[in-house]
Amino acid sequence: MRTLWIAAALACGLAFGPLAAAKLPAPPAMSEADKAAKAAKDAATKAHDAELLGKAQDRAVANYKKGHGMGEAQPAAASGSKKK
């Protein structure tokens, strides 16, 4: 029974294998206007993603400082005594 299943699987592979390996047709060529529109859209998307990343990083830093008791950065205090 097991050899029957193996033989059936091999037969299906031989029958449908060439169909799965068929090459897809090339996409249609884009016009210059389409290329320019796509470039503008990609640039706008990249700028928007960069803005969202910056906001997320700012939230992460604020959350880290809040959770670890760091608070706002304080300027170094100028002390009059020096170490010897």
Protein backbone atom coordinates (compact mmCIF):
# COMPACT_ATOMS: atom_id res chain seq x y z
CA MET A 1 0.00 0.00 0.00
CA ARG A 2 2.84 2.35 0.85
CA THR A 3 4.56 1.79 -2.48
CA LEU A 4 1.29 2.62 -4.23
CA TRP A 5 1.22 6.04 -2.55
CA ILE A 6 4.85 6.65 -3.41
CA ALA A 7 4.20 5.71 -7.04
CA ALA A 8 1.14 7.99 -7.15
CA ALA A 9 3.13 10.89 -5.70
CA LEU A 10 5.89 10.41 -8.26
CA ALA A 11 3.37 10.23 -11.09
CA CYS A 12 1.73 13.49 -9.95
CA GLY A 13 5.13 15.12 -9.67
CA LEU A 14 6.05 14.08 -13.19
CA ALA A 15 2.70 15.19 -14.57
CA PHE A 16 2.41 18.58 -12.86
CA GLY A 17 6.09 19.45 -12.37
CA PRO A 18 6.56 21.18 -15.73
CA LEU A 19 3.44 23.28 -15.11
CA ALA A 20 4.85 24.57 -11.83
CA ALA A 21 8.18 25.43 -13.45
CA ALA A 22 6.60 27.46 -16.27
CA LYS A 23 8.05 30.92 -16.71
CA LEU A 24 5.84 33.94 -16.06
CA PRO A 25 5.60 36.64 -18.72
CA ALA A 26 7.60 39.84 -18.21
CA PRO A 27 5.69 42.77 -16.68
CA PRO A 28 4.71 45.54 -19.09
CA ALA A 29 7.19 48.38 -19.51
CA MET A 30 6.50 51.52 -17.46
CA SER A 31 6.26 54.91 -19.12
CA GLU A 32 8.37 57.84 -17.93
CA ALA A 33 5.32 59.41 -16.25
CA ASP A 34 4.61 56.17 -14.39
CA LYS A 35 8.25 55.94 -13.31
CA ALA A 36 8.20 59.53 -12.02
CA ALA A 37 4.94 58.97 -10.16
CA LYS A 38 6.28 55.80 -8.58
CA ALA A 39 9.51 57.56 -7.54
CA ALA A 40 7.54 60.41 -5.94
CA LYS A 41 5.30 57.97 -4.12
CA ASP A 42 8.30 55.98 -2.88
CA ALA A 43 10.01 59.15 -1.65
CA ALA A 44 6.88 60.25 0.22
CA THR A 45 6.52 56.81 1.77
CA LYS A 46 10.17 56.81 2.85
CA ALA A 47 9.82 60.26 4.46
CA HIS A 48 6.65 59.21 6.27
CA ASP A 49 8.28 56.01 7.53
CA ALA A 50 11.30 57.98 8.77
CA GLU A 51 9.00 60.36 10.66
CA LEU A 52 7.14 57.47 12.28
CA LEU A 53 10.43 55.81 13.22
CA GLY A 54 11.66 59.00 14.86
CA LYS A 55 8.47 59.33 16.89
CA ALA A 56 8.65 55.68 17.97
CA GLN A 57 12.28 56.09 19.03
CA ASP A 58 11.40 59.21 21.04
CA ARG A 59 8.59 57.31 22.80
CA ALA A 60 10.94 54.41 23.54
CA VAL A 61 13.57 56.71 25.04
CA ALA A 62 10.95 58.53 27.15
CA ASN A 63 9.56 55.20 28.37
CA TYR A 64 13.05 53.94 29.23
CA LYS A 65 13.91 57.09 31.16
CA LYS A 66 10.57 57.01 32.97
CA GLY A 67 10.96 53.37 33.97
CA HIS A 68 14.56 53.69 35.13
CA GLY A 69 14.17 56.91 37.12
CA MET A 70 16.45 58.97 34.90
CA GLY A 71 14.12 61.89 34.27
CA GLU A 72 15.34 64.85 32.25
CA ALA A 73 19.03 65.38 31.60
CA GLN A 74 20.58 67.76 34.13
CA PRO A 75 23.61 69.92 33.39
CA ALA A 76 26.77 69.01 35.28
CA ALA A 77 27.10 71.06 38.46
CA ALA A 78 30.25 73.14 38.63
CA SER A 79 31.92 72.39 41.93
CA GLY A 80 34.51 74.63 43.54
CA SER A 81 36.58 71.84 45.01
CA LYS A 82 39.03 69.85 42.96
CA LYS A 83 40.33 66.37 43.57
CA LYS A 84 43.97 66.11 44.48
